[in-house]
Amino acid sequence: MVTYSKPYRSFDEQARLLLERGIEADMATCLWAVERIGYYRLSGYWYPYRIIDDDASESSGHAVRRSEVRAGTTLDQVLRLYDFDRRLKLLLMDALERVEVAVRVELAYVLGKHSAYAYREAAHLDGRFTRPKPSRPDEPSGHARWLAKYEEHLGRSSEDFVKHFQDKYDGDIPIWVAVEVLDFGSMSILFHGARRADRDTVAARLGLLDAEGRGDGRILGNWLQSLNIARNTCAHHARLWNRNFVEQISTKRLGHIDRLRYLAKFDARSLGRVYPILAVTSHLMRAIDPTSTWNRRLREHLDTFPADDVVTLGDLGAPIAWTTLLS
């Protein structure tokens, strides 16, 4: 373990350090950038411009970058890349809010047919969710852990409808109300915990069908995992445009979907970037609201990417023909 030893720096010192690294800008703009965006946050956007140290890279076996940036790198380039990413996150969050609400409604509708309290009742959920794992019989089931988290959400909620049910009834809230206190992650876990037939029904109602024309809950389940991570990335204002996502969009069951089958040709690097997430979000938005302008706005925004000889749309995982593919 190495002890962190870098000193505290004032805003003036941070601004001067930008200039020392070789970034071209005036002092006033540098000062504004570190005061209003932050040196560390911006460093993720000038990172691609940092010079690769060939000797250190050869000895370490991977690319090692020096602190200095390439000659001619301007703060304006870095800020334009930052602003593109900021707007991309806002655009993606706009769609993911629509997706989250739609899945909540459909999940509650399908589970509610079984029982108003199906989310609590093992008989209406997948046994793999409600039973402890055979290899860990002493540990609580996924359902038990999910319920504990749900109760935390409920306890923290200040919504009037929660207080209404707690005051007027016995405190138990029906599924079509309970989903309103779930975050995206908890909703995704409940979806995975539903029985396969119910997952497939939800998927069908959102336009996700298998090759035989039946709802495919496995596709939707995979998408929800990836979309949840993307949503958290956006919500925490983290870098999105070239982030590597561990939970990738699976391409195994997309061959029959005309608008998405091209994703099967992506290499691992491209599948781990944000473009596949944008592609499946675009597909969902067509089903959720065919009149939405979101897909057009996404294309228009991607057209504004500040490409140069260092960064391109390929860093998002976007293929050359992305415009046609998102039409």
Protein backbone atom coordinates (compact mmCIF):
# COMPACT_ATOMS: atom_id res chain seq x y z
CA MET A 1 0.00 0.00 0.00
CA VAL A 2 1.28 3.46 -0.95
CA THR A 3 0.38 6.41 1.26
CA TYR A 4 -1.28 9.27 -0.63
CA SER A 5 1.10 12.21 -0.42
CA LYS A 6 -0.05 14.76 -3.00
CA PRO A 7 -0.52 18.18 -1.38
CA TYR A 8 -3.65 20.27 -1.09
CA ARG A 9 -3.70 22.91 -3.82
CA SER A 10 -5.60 26.18 -3.95
CA PHE A 11 -7.75 26.95 -6.99
CA ASP A 12 -5.03 29.27 -8.27
CA GLU A 13 -2.47 26.48 -7.94
CA GLN A 14 -4.77 24.01 -9.69
CA ALA A 15 -5.31 26.45 -12.55
CA ARG A 16 -1.57 26.98 -12.92
CA LEU A 17 -1.05 23.21 -12.88
CA LEU A 18 -3.36 22.93 -15.88
CA LEU A 19 -1.10 25.29 -17.77
CA GLU A 20 2.01 23.43 -16.58
CA ARG A 21 0.56 20.19 -17.96
CA GLY A 22 0.56 21.85 -21.38
CA ILE A 23 -3.13 22.68 -21.76
CA GLU A 24 -3.55 25.85 -23.79
CA ALA A 25 -5.85 28.42 -22.18
CA ASP A 26 -5.79 31.73 -20.38
CA MET A 27 -5.52 31.79 -16.60
CA ALA A 28 -9.04 33.17 -16.11
CA THR A 29 -10.66 30.27 -18.00
CA CYS A 30 -8.51 27.72 -16.16
CA LEU A 31 -9.55 29.24 -12.84
CA TRP A 32 -13.23 29.16 -13.81
CA ALA A 33 -12.92 25.50 -14.87
CA VAL A 34 -11.36 24.23 -11.64
CA GLU A 35 -13.70 26.33 -9.48
CA ARG A 36 -16.95 25.34 -11.21
CA ILE A 37 -16.22 21.85 -12.56
CA GLY A 38 -13.23 20.66 -10.59
CA TYR A 39 -9.69 19.68 -11.50
CA TYR A 40 -10.18 15.99 -10.78
CA ARG A 41 -13.48 15.73 -12.68
CA LEU A 42 -12.01 17.46 -15.72
CA SER A 43 -8.92 15.24 -15.63
CA GLY A 44 -11.06 12.38 -16.95
CA TYR A 45 -11.74 14.45 -20.06
CA TRP A 46 -8.18 15.49 -20.82
CA TYR A 47 -6.86 11.99 -20.06
CA PRO A 48 -7.04 10.86 -23.74
CA TYR A 49 -4.82 13.81 -24.62
CA ARG A 50 -2.06 12.86 -22.19
CA ILE A 51 1.19 11.76 -23.86
CA ILE A 52 1.88 8.02 -23.81
CA ASP A 53 5.23 7.18 -22.24
CA ASP A 54 6.62 4.58 -24.64
CA ASP A 55 9.42 3.35 -22.38
CA ALA A 56 7.20 2.96 -19.31
CA SER A 57 4.47 1.33 -21.42
CA GLU A 58 6.90 -1.21 -22.86
CA SER A 59 8.24 -2.22 -19.45
CA SER A 60 4.79 -2.43 -17.82
CA GLY A 61 3.00 -4.16 -20.68
CA HIS A 62 0.19 -1.59 -20.87
CA ALA A 63 -0.20 2.03 -21.87
CA VAL A 64 1.30 4.43 -19.34
CA ARG A 65 0.59 8.13 -19.78
CA ARG A 66 2.64 11.07 -18.66
CA SER A 67 1.07 14.00 -16.85
CA GLU A 68 1.66 16.32 -19.79
CA VAL A 69 -0.80 16.55 -22.68
CA ARG A 70 -0.08 16.54 -26.39
CA ALA A 71 1.07 19.80 -27.93
CA GLY A 72 -1.85 21.89 -29.12
CA THR A 73 -4.37 20.50 -26.63
CA THR A 74 -6.70 23.32 -25.61
CA LEU A 75 -8.92 23.69 -22.60
CA ASP A 76 -11.72 24.48 -25.05
CA GLN A 77 -11.40 20.93 -26.47
CA VAL A 78 -11.62 19.45 -22.99
CA LEU A 79 -14.60 21.61 -22.03
CA ARG A 80 -16.47 20.77 -25.24
CA LEU A 81 -15.97 17.06 -24.53
CA TYR A 82 -17.16 17.58 -20.95
CA ASP A 83 -20.23 19.49 -22.12
CA PHE A 84 -21.07 16.83 -24.72
CA ASP A 85 -20.94 14.19 -21.99
CA ARG A 86 -23.01 16.31 -19.60
CA ARG A 87 -25.75 16.73 -22.19
CA LEU A 88 -25.60 13.04 -23.15
CA LYS A 89 -26.26 12.10 -19.52
CA LEU A 90 -29.25 14.43 -19.34
CA LEU A 91 -30.62 12.96 -22.57
CA LEU A 92 -30.15 9.37 -21.40
CA MET A 93 -31.73 10.12 -18.02
CA ASP A 94 -34.74 11.57 -19.81
CA ALA A 95 -35.30 8.22 -21.56
CA LEU A 96 -34.43 6.02 -18.59
CA GLU A 97 -37.04 7.81 -16.49
CA ARG A 98 -39.63 6.83 -19.10
CA VAL A 99 -38.34 3.24 -19.20
CA GLU A 100 -38.31 2.93 -15.42
CA VAL A 101 -41.88 4.18 -15.05
CA ALA A 102 -43.13 1.93 -17.85
CA VAL A 103 -41.52 -1.18 -16.36
CA ARG A 104 -42.91 -0.30 -12.93
CA VAL A 105 -46.42 -0.06 -14.36
CA GLU A 106 -46.20 -3.30 -16.35
CA LEU A 107 -44.60 -5.26 -13.51
CA ALA A 108 -47.25 -4.12 -11.05
CA TYR A 109 -50.00 -4.88 -13.57
CA VAL A 110 -48.79 -8.44 -14.17
CA LEU A 111 -48.01 -9.31 -10.54
CA GLY A 112 -51.16 -7.60 -9.31
CA LYS A 113 -53.28 -10.09 -11.26
CA HIS A 114 -52.03 -12.80 -8.92
CA SER A 115 -52.38 -10.85 -5.68
CA ALA A 116 -52.28 -7.28 -4.43
CA TYR A 117 -49.31 -8.37 -2.31
CA ALA A 118 -47.61 -10.69 -4.81
CA TYR A 119 -44.27 -9.02 -4.15
CA ARG A 120 -44.39 -10.42 -0.60
CA GLU A 121 -45.79 -13.86 -1.42
CA ALA A 122 -43.42 -16.65 -2.46
CA ALA A 123 -46.20 -18.49 -4.28
CA HIS A 124 -46.27 -15.79 -6.94
CA LEU A 125 -42.51 -15.44 -7.44
CA ASP A 126 -39.70 -17.54 -8.88
CA GLY A 127 -38.52 -20.23 -6.47
CA ARG A 128 -34.89 -19.40 -7.18
CA PHE A 129 -35.65 -15.96 -5.80
CA THR A 130 -37.65 -17.02 -2.74
CA ARG A 131 -35.54 -19.98 -1.58
CA PRO A 132 -32.00 -19.79 -0.16
CA LYS A 133 -29.29 -21.03 -2.49
CA PRO A 134 -28.64 -24.78 -1.98
CA SER A 135 -24.95 -24.02 -1.53
CA ARG A 136 -25.73 -21.44 1.18
CA PRO A 137 -28.80 -22.73 3.03
CA ASP A 138 -28.14 -20.61 6.12
CA GLU A 139 -28.16 -17.33 4.22
CA PRO A 140 -31.37 -15.40 3.50
CA SER A 141 -32.91 -15.75 0.06
CA GLY A 142 -32.71 -13.05 -2.57
CA HIS A 143 -36.35 -12.31 -1.86
CA ALA A 144 -35.70 -11.86 1.87
CA ARG A 145 -32.85 -9.46 1.15
CA TRP A 146 -35.00 -7.61 -1.37
CA LEU A 147 -37.86 -7.26 1.14
CA ALA A 148 -35.46 -5.87 3.75
CA LYS A 149 -34.30 -3.23 1.27
CA TYR A 150 -37.89 -2.50 0.28
CA GLU A 151 -38.76 -1.88 3.94
CA GLU A 152 -35.84 0.57 4.11
CA HIS A 153 -37.19 2.44 1.09
CA LEU A 154 -40.62 2.47 2.69
CA GLY A 155 -39.26 3.72 6.03
CA ARG A 156 -37.39 6.58 4.36
CA SER A 157 -40.28 7.60 2.14
CA SER A 158 -41.98 10.90 2.89
CA GLU A 159 -44.65 10.41 0.23
CA ASP A 160 -48.22 11.22 1.29
CA PHE A 161 -49.54 8.00 -0.25
CA VAL A 162 -47.28 5.92 2.01
CA LYS A 163 -48.53 7.72 5.11
CA HIS A 164 -52.12 7.32 3.86
CA PHE A 165 -51.79 3.53 3.61
CA GLN A 166 -49.99 3.28 6.92
CA ASP A 167 -52.60 5.37 8.71
CA LYS A 168 -55.78 4.07 7.09
CA TYR A 169 -54.93 0.43 6.45
CA ASP A 170 -52.74 -2.19 8.09
CA GLY A 171 -49.56 -0.74 6.60
CA ASP A 172 -49.28 -3.25 3.77
CA ILE A 173 -49.19 -1.54 0.40
CA PRO A 174 -50.49 -3.19 -2.79
CA ILE A 175 -48.00 -3.87 -5.56
CA TRP A 176 -49.33 -1.13 -7.83
CA VAL A 177 -48.51 1.39 -5.09
CA ALA A 178 -45.42 -0.35 -3.69
CA VAL A 179 -43.52 -0.03 -6.98
CA GLU A 180 -43.60 3.74 -6.57
CA VAL A 181 -41.13 3.59 -3.66
CA LEU A 182 -38.64 1.36 -5.51
CA ASP A 183 -35.51 2.69 -7.14
CA PHE A 184 -34.40 1.37 -10.51
CA GLY A 185 -32.13 -1.28 -8.97
CA SER A 186 -34.79 -2.66 -6.62
CA MET A 187 -37.32 -2.73 -9.43
CA SER A 188 -34.86 -4.64 -11.61
CA ILE A 189 -34.29 -7.21 -8.85
CA LEU A 190 -38.04 -7.71 -8.40
CA PHE A 191 -38.39 -8.20 -12.15
CA HIS A 192 -35.71 -10.91 -12.05
CA GLY A 193 -37.51 -12.47 -9.09
CA ALA A 194 -40.83 -12.76 -10.91
CA ARG A 195 -41.83 -16.04 -12.53
CA ARG A 196 -40.64 -16.54 -16.07
CA ALA A 197 -44.13 -16.32 -17.57
CA ASP A 198 -44.64 -12.96 -15.87
CA ARG A 199 -41.26 -11.64 -17.01
CA ASP A 200 -42.11 -12.68 -20.56
CA THR A 201 -45.48 -10.95 -20.33
CA VAL A 202 -43.88 -7.69 -19.23
CA ALA A 203 -41.32 -7.98 -22.03
CA ALA A 204 -44.05 -8.59 -24.61
CA ARG A 205 -45.96 -5.52 -23.46
CA LEU A 206 -42.76 -3.50 -24.00
CA GLY A 207 -42.27 -4.89 -27.50
CA LEU A 208 -39.45 -7.33 -26.68
CA LEU A 209 -40.22 -10.60 -28.44
CA ASP A 210 -38.19 -13.73 -29.14
CA ALA A 211 -37.76 -15.31 -32.57
CA GLU A 212 -41.15 -17.07 -32.19
CA GLY A 213 -42.97 -13.85 -31.38
CA ARG A 214 -43.31 -14.47 -27.64
CA GLY A 215 -42.26 -12.08 -24.91
CA ASP A 216 -38.60 -12.50 -23.96
CA GLY A 217 -38.01 -11.62 -20.33
CA ARG A 218 -34.40 -12.72 -20.53
CA ILE A 219 -33.61 -9.89 -22.94
CA LEU A 220 -35.38 -7.34 -20.77
CA GLY A 221 -33.70 -8.66 -17.62
CA ASN A 222 -30.26 -8.21 -19.16
CA TRP A 223 -31.15 -4.74 -20.41
CA LEU A 224 -32.45 -3.62 -17.02
CA GLN A 225 -29.16 -4.57 -15.35
CA SER A 226 -27.16 -2.51 -17.84
CA LEU A 227 -29.61 0.39 -17.83
CA ASN A 228 -29.53 0.52 -14.03
CA ILE A 229 -25.75 0.95 -14.03
CA ALA A 230 -26.01 3.60 -16.75
CA ARG A 231 -28.70 5.38 -14.77
CA ASN A 232 -26.51 5.41 -11.64
CA THR A 233 -23.60 6.72 -13.69
CA CYS A 234 -25.74 9.60 -14.92
CA ALA A 235 -27.32 10.27 -11.52
CA HIS A 236 -23.91 10.59 -9.88
CA HIS A 237 -22.64 12.83 -12.70
CA ALA A 238 -19.82 10.41 -13.50
CA ARG A 239 -18.12 10.26 -16.89
CA LEU A 240 -20.29 8.39 -19.42
CA TRP A 241 -19.04 8.91 -22.97
CA ASN A 242 -16.12 6.44 -22.83
CA ARG A 243 -16.91 4.52 -19.65
CA ASN A 244 -16.35 0.77 -19.71
CA PHE A 245 -19.46 -1.05 -18.43
CA VAL A 246 -18.88 -4.44 -16.81
CA GLU A 247 -22.57 -5.40 -17.22
CA GLN A 248 -22.79 -5.53 -20.99
CA ILE A 249 -25.77 -5.79 -23.30
CA SER A 250 -26.01 -9.45 -24.32
CA THR A 251 -26.25 -10.02 -28.07
CA LYS A 252 -27.15 -13.73 -27.94
CA ARG A 253 -30.88 -13.24 -28.43
CA LEU A 254 -30.99 -10.19 -30.70
CA GLY A 255 -30.59 -11.83 -34.11
CA HIS A 256 -34.29 -11.52 -34.95
CA ILE A 257 -34.55 -7.83 -33.99
CA ASP A 258 -33.80 -5.92 -37.18
CA ARG A 259 -32.74 -2.71 -35.46
CA LEU A 260 -30.38 -4.44 -33.03
CA ARG A 261 -28.92 -7.51 -34.72
CA TYR A 262 -25.86 -5.51 -35.79
CA LEU A 263 -24.77 -5.39 -32.13
CA ALA A 264 -23.74 -9.06 -32.48
CA LYS A 265 -20.83 -7.86 -34.65
CA PHE A 266 -19.45 -5.64 -31.91
CA ASP A 267 -16.17 -6.56 -30.26
CA ALA A 268 -15.89 -6.75 -26.46
CA ARG A 269 -14.57 -3.20 -26.19
CA SER A 270 -17.49 -1.67 -28.10
CA LEU A 271 -20.05 -3.78 -26.22
CA GLY A 272 -18.66 -2.42 -22.98
CA ARG A 273 -19.24 1.20 -23.98
CA VAL A 274 -22.35 3.36 -23.82
CA TYR A 275 -23.49 3.04 -27.46
CA PRO A 276 -25.18 -0.40 -27.02
CA ILE A 277 -27.04 1.05 -24.04
CA LEU A 278 -28.19 3.96 -26.19
CA ALA A 279 -29.27 1.52 -28.91
CA VAL A 280 -31.47 -0.62 -26.65
CA THR A 281 -32.86 2.48 -24.94
CA SER A 282 -33.78 3.78 -28.38
CA HIS A 283 -35.55 0.48 -29.11
CA LEU A 284 -37.51 0.65 -25.86
CA MET A 285 -38.49 4.25 -26.42
CA ARG A 286 -40.07 3.33 -29.76
CA ALA A 287 -42.31 0.83 -27.94
CA ILE A 288 -43.07 3.02 -24.93
CA ASP A 289 -43.95 6.12 -26.93
CA PRO A 290 -43.79 5.92 -30.74
CA THR A 291 -44.47 9.67 -30.93
CA SER A 292 -41.48 10.61 -28.79
CA THR A 293 -38.79 12.83 -30.29
CA TRP A 294 -36.10 11.24 -28.11
CA ASN A 295 -34.49 9.19 -30.89
CA ARG A 296 -34.20 12.25 -33.10
CA ARG A 297 -32.73 14.27 -30.25
CA LEU A 298 -30.22 11.49 -29.56
CA ARG A 299 -29.05 11.49 -33.20
CA GLU A 300 -28.80 15.25 -33.22
CA HIS A 301 -26.73 15.24 -30.05
CA LEU A 302 -24.35 12.53 -31.25
CA ASP A 303 -23.82 14.68 -34.31
CA THR A 304 -22.32 17.35 -32.03
CA PHE A 305 -19.54 15.11 -30.72
CA PRO A 306 -16.33 17.18 -30.69
CA ALA A 307 -14.26 14.68 -32.65
CA ASP A 308 -10.61 15.37 -33.43
CA ASP A 309 -7.51 13.28 -34.12
CA VAL A 310 -7.60 11.93 -30.54
CA VAL A 311 -11.24 11.26 -29.64
CA THR A 312 -14.01 9.96 -31.91
CA LEU A 313 -17.50 8.52 -31.62
CA GLY A 314 -15.80 5.14 -31.72
CA ASP A 315 -14.82 5.80 -28.10
CA LEU A 316 -18.54 5.54 -27.27
CA GLY A 317 -18.63 2.19 -29.08
CA ALA A 318 -20.55 3.74 -31.99
CA PRO A 319 -20.09 2.04 -35.37
CA ILE A 320 -19.40 4.04 -38.52
CA ALA A 321 -23.03 3.73 -39.68
CA TRP A 322 -24.52 4.77 -36.36
CA THR A 323 -26.78 7.42 -37.94
CA THR A 324 -28.61 4.87 -40.08
CA LEU A 325 -28.77 2.33 -37.26
CA LEU A 326 -30.46 4.77 -34.87
CA SER A 327 -32.91 6.10 -37.48
